[in-house]
Amino acid sequence: MSDTKSEEEGNSSYGRKPFKRSRSHFADRVTADGRDGWPVEAGRYRLVVSRACPWASRALVSRRLLGLEDALSLAVTDPVQDDRSWRFTLDPDGRDPVLGIRFLSEAYDARETGYPGGVSVPAVVDVPSGRLVTNDYQRITLDLATEWTALHRDGAPDLYPEALRDEIDEVMEGVYEDVNNGVYRAGFAAGQKEYEEACTGVFRRLELLSGRLAGQRYLVGDTITEADIRLFTTLVRFDAVYHGHFKCNLWKLAEDPVLWGYVRDLYQTPGFGDTVDFDHIKRHYYTVHTGINPTGIVPVGPRLSGWLAPHHRAELGGRPFGDGTPPGPVRADEEIPARGRP
């Protein structure tokens, strides 16, 4: 999720041009062979996220499922930004305790002085130098699954199985265009036609996904893959923010039995719901997007109790972790506060 002042707010406040998501400017990769100069190394890197951001939440889920908590430390930003974007005001003295910085932009500046683009999460930062390594949200999770294997926990699932990659990529492409990014194109549309086209695309794709998931537990194959992670992080935010705030309101997710059952199944799976903070999600969207919600009022609903209701998706079969096992308990310092969960 980019700096909303430079990308999202710019489009919504002035209405001069259609919403267009910026490409990741820093696309270095952390790999097993270190071919970009950044070798996989336990303890060397810090993952910076906002729990409000769906793009960053992908990395949170992947890190949990793969058991990389000890190898890749975590920094969580305040969900409400100021003019310098993502800030570490949740930490003592307003500084990240490992990087020693107040704003994520400082890691960007250490990498490229005067970088003109937005400051986005997720971001991987090199701890020794304090420099940003990558903000390539499309690639980070794929590399966690395929390049960090030496540091995976015992029993870690294969989230990007080689035999299914073509199908996973095809499914993810449609999910990205119409759902992940589609809700933003609707929410920040500059005109009625643009909004209606984006909104129609969102629900057309959701209906296709509902049909696909009616007879199978997961999107591709019989186990959780990267495709499920990418769809989940949008669906879990749908009724709380996208339905009202982004005007994607043809129907609520809870009104589709298949998708509502699917997303609850994932939410109740270790590694998914235990990374979700509904308080951060709602406060970010409704407070920061002043062009859409100028009052800054955060709605009290919807009720969250339904997330823990039975989903019966196990009747479709499937093995969530394949031949692997669920991740262990959440680290005490990474638990979601009570106000952010059902």
Protein backbone atom coordinates (compact mmCIF):
# COMPACT_ATOMS: atom_id res chain seq x y z
CA MET A 1 0.00 0.00 0.00
CA SER A 2 1.59 3.23 -1.10
CA ASP A 3 1.68 6.50 0.72
CA THR A 4 -1.96 7.58 0.54
CA LYS A 5 -0.99 11.23 0.27
CA SER A 6 0.87 10.69 -2.98
CA GLU A 7 -1.24 7.97 -4.57
CA GLU A 8 -4.67 7.36 -3.14
CA GLU A 9 -5.53 10.76 -1.71
CA GLY A 10 -4.18 12.53 -4.76
CA ASN A 11 -6.70 10.77 -6.93
CA SER A 12 -9.67 10.95 -4.60
CA SER A 13 -9.33 14.55 -3.41
CA TYR A 14 -9.00 16.28 -6.74
CA GLY A 15 -10.80 13.91 -9.08
CA ARG A 16 -8.53 14.78 -12.02
CA LYS A 17 -7.37 11.36 -13.14
CA PRO A 18 -8.32 7.70 -12.72
CA PHE A 19 -6.74 5.71 -9.94
CA LYS A 20 -3.53 3.99 -10.99
CA ARG A 21 -1.41 1.93 -8.61
CA SER A 22 2.27 2.78 -8.65
CA ARG A 23 4.72 0.04 -9.54
CA SER A 24 7.27 -0.98 -6.92
CA HIS A 25 10.35 1.17 -7.46
CA PHE A 26 12.69 -0.93 -5.34
CA ALA A 27 12.48 -4.45 -6.73
CA ASP A 28 15.66 -6.09 -5.44
CA ARG A 29 15.12 -9.63 -4.23
CA VAL A 30 16.37 -11.47 -1.16
CA THR A 31 17.37 -14.84 -2.58
CA ALA A 32 19.10 -18.05 -1.54
CA ASP A 33 22.05 -17.30 -3.84
CA GLY A 34 22.12 -13.56 -3.14
CA ARG A 35 22.20 -12.70 -6.83
CA ASP A 36 20.85 -9.20 -6.20
CA GLY A 37 23.34 -8.66 -3.41
CA TRP A 38 20.87 -9.62 -0.68
CA PRO A 39 21.36 -13.26 0.42
CA VAL A 40 18.83 -14.97 2.67
CA GLU A 41 20.26 -14.72 6.18
CA ALA A 42 18.52 -15.25 9.50
CA GLY A 43 18.22 -12.04 11.51
CA ARG A 44 19.58 -9.74 8.84
CA TYR A 45 16.33 -8.26 7.55
CA ARG A 46 13.29 -6.61 9.08
CA LEU A 47 9.81 -6.81 7.57
CA VAL A 48 7.92 -3.54 7.97
CA VAL A 49 4.13 -3.76 7.68
CA SER A 50 0.92 -2.03 8.48
CA ARG A 51 -1.76 -4.41 9.70
CA ALA A 52 -4.23 -2.13 7.92
CA CYS A 53 -2.74 -2.79 4.50
CA PRO A 54 -3.92 -5.79 2.44
CA TRP A 55 -0.66 -5.92 0.47
CA ALA A 56 1.41 -6.02 3.66
CA SER A 57 -0.96 -8.54 5.21
CA ARG A 58 0.03 -11.04 2.55
CA ALA A 59 3.54 -11.01 3.98
CA LEU A 60 2.22 -11.35 7.53
CA VAL A 61 0.27 -14.49 6.63
CA SER A 62 3.11 -16.02 4.62
CA ARG A 63 5.66 -15.35 7.37
CA ARG A 64 3.39 -17.05 9.95
CA LEU A 65 2.57 -20.08 7.81
CA LEU A 66 6.22 -20.66 6.92
CA GLY A 67 7.46 -20.15 10.48
CA LEU A 68 9.86 -17.33 9.66
CA GLU A 69 9.21 -15.30 12.81
CA ASP A 70 12.66 -15.91 14.27
CA ALA A 71 14.46 -15.44 10.95
CA LEU A 72 12.67 -12.29 9.78
CA SER A 73 11.81 -9.79 12.49
CA LEU A 74 8.67 -7.68 12.32
CA ALA A 75 7.99 -3.96 12.61
CA VAL A 76 4.37 -2.78 12.74
CA THR A 77 3.54 0.82 11.90
CA ASP A 78 0.78 3.02 13.21
CA PRO A 79 -2.32 2.51 11.02
CA VAL A 80 -2.85 6.28 10.87
CA GLN A 81 -0.24 8.12 8.83
CA ASP A 82 0.86 11.72 8.95
CA ASP A 83 2.47 13.81 6.19
CA ARG A 84 5.60 11.63 6.37
CA SER A 85 3.56 8.48 5.84
CA TRP A 86 4.11 5.28 7.83
CA ARG A 87 5.42 5.97 11.33
CA PHE A 88 6.52 3.90 14.32
CA THR A 89 4.42 5.64 16.96
CA LEU A 90 3.25 2.29 18.38
CA ASP A 91 6.76 1.71 19.72
CA PRO A 92 8.30 3.31 22.82
CA ASP A 93 9.55 6.84 22.09
CA GLY A 94 8.05 6.57 18.59
CA ARG A 95 11.07 4.69 17.22
CA ASP A 96 11.38 1.21 15.80
CA PRO A 97 13.48 -0.59 18.44
CA VAL A 98 15.61 -2.43 15.88
CA LEU A 99 16.06 0.13 13.09
CA GLY A 100 16.07 3.13 15.40
CA ILE A 101 13.98 5.24 13.02
CA ARG A 102 10.76 7.18 13.48
CA PHE A 103 9.47 6.91 9.91
CA LEU A 104 9.78 4.20 7.27
CA SER A 105 10.75 6.98 4.86
CA GLU A 106 14.14 7.12 6.62
CA ALA A 107 14.95 3.64 5.29
CA TYR A 108 13.87 4.78 1.83
CA ASP A 109 16.12 7.84 2.11
CA ALA A 110 19.03 5.64 3.20
CA ARG A 111 18.59 3.67 -0.01
CA GLU A 112 17.94 6.57 -2.40
CA THR A 113 18.19 10.19 -1.33
CA GLY A 114 15.36 12.32 -2.66
CA TYR A 115 13.30 9.36 -3.93
CA PRO A 116 10.18 11.07 -5.35
CA GLY A 117 7.68 8.20 -5.01
CA GLY A 118 5.40 7.13 -2.18
CA VAL A 119 6.51 5.25 0.90
CA SER A 120 4.84 1.85 0.82
CA VAL A 121 4.48 -1.33 2.85
CA PRO A 122 5.36 -4.13 2.94
CA ALA A 123 9.01 -3.22 2.96
CA VAL A 124 12.05 -5.34 3.69
CA VAL A 125 14.89 -3.38 5.33
CA ASP A 126 18.51 -4.44 5.77
CA VAL A 127 19.14 -4.08 9.51
CA PRO A 128 22.94 -3.52 9.46
CA SER A 129 22.77 -0.67 6.94
CA GLY A 130 19.26 0.59 7.63
CA ARG A 131 18.61 0.62 3.89
CA LEU A 132 15.42 -0.43 2.16
CA VAL A 133 15.92 -3.63 0.18
CA THR A 134 12.56 -4.03 -1.55
CA ASN A 135 8.99 -2.80 -1.54
CA ASP A 136 7.91 -5.22 -4.29
CA TYR A 137 4.69 -6.48 -2.68
CA GLN A 138 4.00 -8.84 -5.59
CA ARG A 139 7.34 -10.61 -5.21
CA ILE A 140 8.08 -10.58 -1.48
CA THR A 141 5.72 -13.42 -0.55
CA LEU A 142 6.72 -15.57 -3.52
CA ASP A 143 10.34 -15.29 -2.42
CA LEU A 144 9.47 -16.10 1.19
CA ALA A 145 7.89 -19.30 -0.12
CA THR A 146 10.60 -20.31 -2.59
CA GLU A 147 13.91 -18.61 -1.64
CA TRP A 148 13.75 -18.78 2.16
CA THR A 149 13.17 -22.54 2.31
CA ALA A 150 16.32 -23.23 4.33
CA LEU A 151 14.82 -21.19 7.17
CA HIS A 152 11.26 -22.54 6.98
CA ARG A 153 9.90 -24.32 10.04
CA ASP A 154 9.56 -28.08 10.04
CA GLY A 155 6.17 -28.86 8.52
CA ALA A 156 5.90 -25.59 6.59
CA PRO A 157 3.42 -25.83 3.69
CA ASP A 158 4.41 -25.39 0.06
CA LEU A 159 2.56 -22.19 -0.77
CA TYR A 160 3.71 -22.01 -4.38
CA PRO A 161 4.02 -25.64 -5.57
CA GLU A 162 5.92 -25.84 -8.83
CA ALA A 163 3.44 -28.17 -10.52
CA LEU A 164 0.58 -25.72 -9.96
CA ARG A 165 2.34 -22.40 -10.60
CA ASP A 166 0.81 -21.73 -14.01
CA GLU A 167 -2.70 -22.18 -12.64
CA ILE A 168 -1.92 -20.21 -9.48
CA ASP A 169 -0.50 -17.35 -11.55
CA GLU A 170 -3.57 -17.30 -13.80
CA VAL A 171 -5.96 -17.20 -10.84
CA MET A 172 -3.92 -14.53 -9.07
CA GLU A 173 -3.85 -12.32 -12.16
CA GLY A 174 -7.65 -12.15 -12.28
CA VAL A 175 -7.91 -11.70 -8.52
CA TYR A 176 -5.41 -8.85 -8.59
CA GLU A 177 -6.96 -6.95 -11.49
CA ASP A 178 -10.61 -7.19 -10.47
CA VAL A 179 -10.57 -7.74 -6.70
CA ASN A 180 -7.31 -6.72 -4.97
CA ASN A 181 -6.89 -3.60 -7.08
CA GLY A 182 -10.48 -3.41 -8.32
CA VAL A 183 -11.83 -2.25 -4.97
CA TYR A 184 -9.34 0.62 -5.02
CA ARG A 185 -10.24 1.61 -8.57
CA ALA A 186 -13.86 1.76 -7.46
CA GLY A 187 -13.14 3.60 -4.21
CA PHE A 188 -10.89 6.24 -5.79
CA ALA A 189 -12.73 6.56 -9.09
CA ALA A 190 -12.63 10.04 -10.58
CA GLY A 191 -16.04 9.75 -12.25
CA GLN A 192 -19.28 7.79 -12.35
CA LYS A 193 -18.45 5.67 -15.40
CA GLU A 194 -15.04 4.73 -14.03
CA TYR A 195 -16.58 3.78 -10.69
CA GLU A 196 -19.35 1.68 -12.23
CA GLU A 197 -16.92 -0.19 -14.46
CA ALA A 198 -14.62 -0.99 -11.55
CA CYS A 199 -17.44 -1.96 -9.19
CA THR A 200 -19.03 -4.18 -11.83
CA GLY A 201 -15.67 -5.85 -12.38
CA VAL A 202 -15.25 -6.53 -8.66
CA PHE A 203 -18.56 -8.36 -8.36
CA ARG A 204 -18.24 -10.16 -11.68
CA ARG A 205 -14.98 -11.64 -10.47
CA LEU A 206 -16.39 -12.41 -7.01
CA GLU A 207 -19.24 -14.33 -8.63
CA LEU A 208 -16.76 -16.34 -10.71
CA LEU A 209 -14.71 -17.09 -7.60
CA SER A 210 -17.83 -18.12 -5.71
CA GLY A 211 -18.66 -20.57 -8.48
CA ARG A 212 -15.13 -21.95 -8.44
CA LEU A 213 -15.13 -22.38 -4.66
CA ALA A 214 -18.58 -23.94 -4.45
CA GLY A 215 -17.11 -27.37 -5.11
CA GLN A 216 -13.56 -27.06 -3.80
CA ARG A 217 -12.15 -25.82 -0.52
CA TYR A 218 -9.23 -23.79 -1.92
CA LEU A 219 -8.59 -21.87 -5.12
CA VAL A 220 -5.97 -24.17 -6.65
CA GLY A 221 -5.46 -27.80 -5.69
CA ASP A 222 -6.48 -29.19 -2.33
CA THR A 223 -4.17 -27.11 -0.12
CA ILE A 224 -3.67 -23.46 0.79
CA THR A 225 -1.52 -21.62 -1.75
CA GLU A 226 -0.36 -18.09 -2.46
CA ALA A 227 -3.59 -17.56 -4.40
CA ASP A 228 -5.68 -18.04 -1.25
CA ILE A 229 -3.48 -15.65 0.71
CA ARG A 230 -3.93 -12.90 -1.88
CA LEU A 231 -7.69 -13.29 -2.07
CA PHE A 232 -8.10 -13.55 1.71
CA THR A 233 -6.47 -10.21 2.48
CA THR A 234 -9.06 -8.39 0.36
CA LEU A 235 -12.06 -10.47 1.41
CA VAL A 236 -11.35 -10.06 5.12
CA ARG A 237 -11.62 -6.27 4.64
CA PHE A 238 -14.61 -6.34 2.34
CA ASP A 239 -17.61 -5.83 4.61
CA ALA A 240 -15.66 -3.70 7.10
CA VAL A 241 -14.38 -1.11 4.62
CA TYR A 242 -14.77 -1.85 0.91
CA HIS A 243 -18.54 -2.33 0.95
CA GLY A 244 -19.27 1.10 2.42
CA HIS A 245 -16.10 3.17 2.24
CA PHE A 246 -15.21 2.17 -1.34
CA LYS A 247 -18.88 1.88 -2.46
CA CYS A 248 -18.50 -1.78 -3.49
CA ASN A 249 -22.02 -2.35 -2.26
CA LEU A 250 -23.94 -4.58 -4.67
CA TRP A 251 -23.90 -7.11 -1.84
CA LYS A 252 -21.97 -7.88 1.30
CA LEU A 253 -19.57 -10.79 1.46
CA ALA A 254 -21.70 -12.23 4.26
CA GLU A 255 -24.57 -12.47 1.76
CA ASP A 256 -22.69 -14.98 -0.41
CA PRO A 257 -22.70 -18.34 1.43
CA VAL A 258 -19.73 -19.71 -0.51
CA LEU A 259 -17.36 -16.76 -0.18
CA TRP A 260 -18.42 -16.07 3.39
CA GLY A 261 -17.76 -19.69 4.31
CA TYR A 262 -14.45 -19.69 2.43
CA VAL A 263 -13.07 -16.55 4.08
CA ARG A 264 -14.20 -17.70 7.55
CA ASP A 265 -12.50 -21.04 6.95
CA LEU A 266 -9.25 -19.24 6.24
CA TYR A 267 -9.74 -16.74 9.07
CA GLN A 268 -10.08 -19.63 11.52
CA THR A 269 -6.99 -21.36 10.11
CA PRO A 270 -3.81 -20.65 12.16
CA GLY A 271 -1.71 -18.08 10.33
CA PHE A 272 -4.60 -16.12 8.83
CA GLY A 273 -7.03 -14.61 11.33
CA ASP A 274 -4.35 -14.33 14.00
CA THR A 275 -2.62 -11.69 11.83
CA VAL A 276 -5.77 -9.57 11.25
CA ASP A 277 -6.42 -6.42 13.27
CA PHE A 278 -9.87 -5.04 12.41
CA ASP A 279 -9.25 -1.98 14.57
CA HIS A 280 -6.18 -1.02 12.53
CA ILE A 281 -8.00 -1.72 9.28
CA LYS A 282 -11.00 0.48 10.03
CA ARG A 283 -9.07 3.35 11.60
CA HIS A 284 -6.69 3.54 8.64
CA TYR A 285 -9.21 3.59 5.85
CA TYR A 286 -11.80 5.83 7.46
CA THR A 287 -9.30 8.26 9.00
CA VAL A 288 -6.62 8.62 6.33
CA HIS A 289 -8.78 8.76 3.21
CA THR A 290 -10.12 12.26 3.84
CA GLY A 291 -11.10 12.72 0.19
CA ILE A 292 -13.63 9.91 0.62
CA ASN A 293 -14.52 10.36 4.30
CA PRO A 294 -13.82 14.01 5.20
CA THR A 295 -15.33 13.72 8.69
CA GLY A 296 -12.90 10.99 9.71
CA ILE A 297 -15.68 9.18 11.56
CA VAL A 298 -14.94 5.47 11.99
CA PRO A 299 -18.12 3.32 11.92
CA VAL A 300 -18.87 1.08 14.87
CA GLY A 301 -19.89 -1.91 12.72
CA PRO A 302 -20.05 -4.42 11.34
CA ARG A 303 -20.22 -6.93 14.19
CA LEU A 304 -17.25 -9.31 14.18
CA SER A 305 -18.77 -12.29 15.99
CA GLY A 306 -19.67 -14.02 12.72
CA TRP A 307 -16.02 -14.60 11.90
CA LEU A 308 -15.88 -17.39 14.46
CA ALA A 309 -19.11 -19.12 13.40
CA PRO A 310 -18.94 -22.65 11.91
CA HIS A 311 -18.22 -22.68 8.17
CA HIS A 312 -18.53 -26.38 7.26
CA ARG A 313 -15.95 -26.01 4.48
CA ALA A 314 -14.03 -29.06 5.70
CA GLU A 315 -16.84 -31.15 4.19
CA LEU A 316 -15.32 -30.36 0.79
CA GLY A 317 -12.14 -32.18 1.79
CA GLY A 318 -8.76 -30.61 1.23
CA ARG A 319 -5.71 -30.52 3.43
CA PRO A 320 -4.94 -26.96 4.57
CA PHE A 321 -1.20 -27.54 5.02
CA GLY A 322 -0.75 -30.45 2.64
CA ASP A 323 1.77 -32.87 4.12
CA GLY A 324 2.81 -30.20 6.62
CA THR A 325 1.44 -28.96 9.92
CA PRO A 326 -0.20 -25.79 11.28
CA PRO A 327 2.08 -23.04 12.58
CA GLY A 328 2.62 -22.83 16.32
CA PRO A 329 1.10 -20.26 18.66
CA VAL A 330 1.45 -16.57 17.89
CA ARG A 331 4.41 -14.91 19.58
CA ALA A 332 3.30 -12.95 22.62
CA ASP A 333 4.66 -9.70 21.19
CA GLU A 334 2.71 -10.19 17.94
CA GLU A 335 -0.73 -11.01 19.34
CA ILE A 336 -3.65 -8.92 18.09
CA PRO A 337 -5.18 -6.77 20.90
CA ALA A 338 -8.73 -7.64 21.93
CA ARG A 339 -10.18 -4.54 20.26
CA GLY A 340 -8.94 -5.75 16.88
CA ARG A 341 -10.47 -9.22 16.89
CA PRO A 342 -13.88 -10.90 17.36
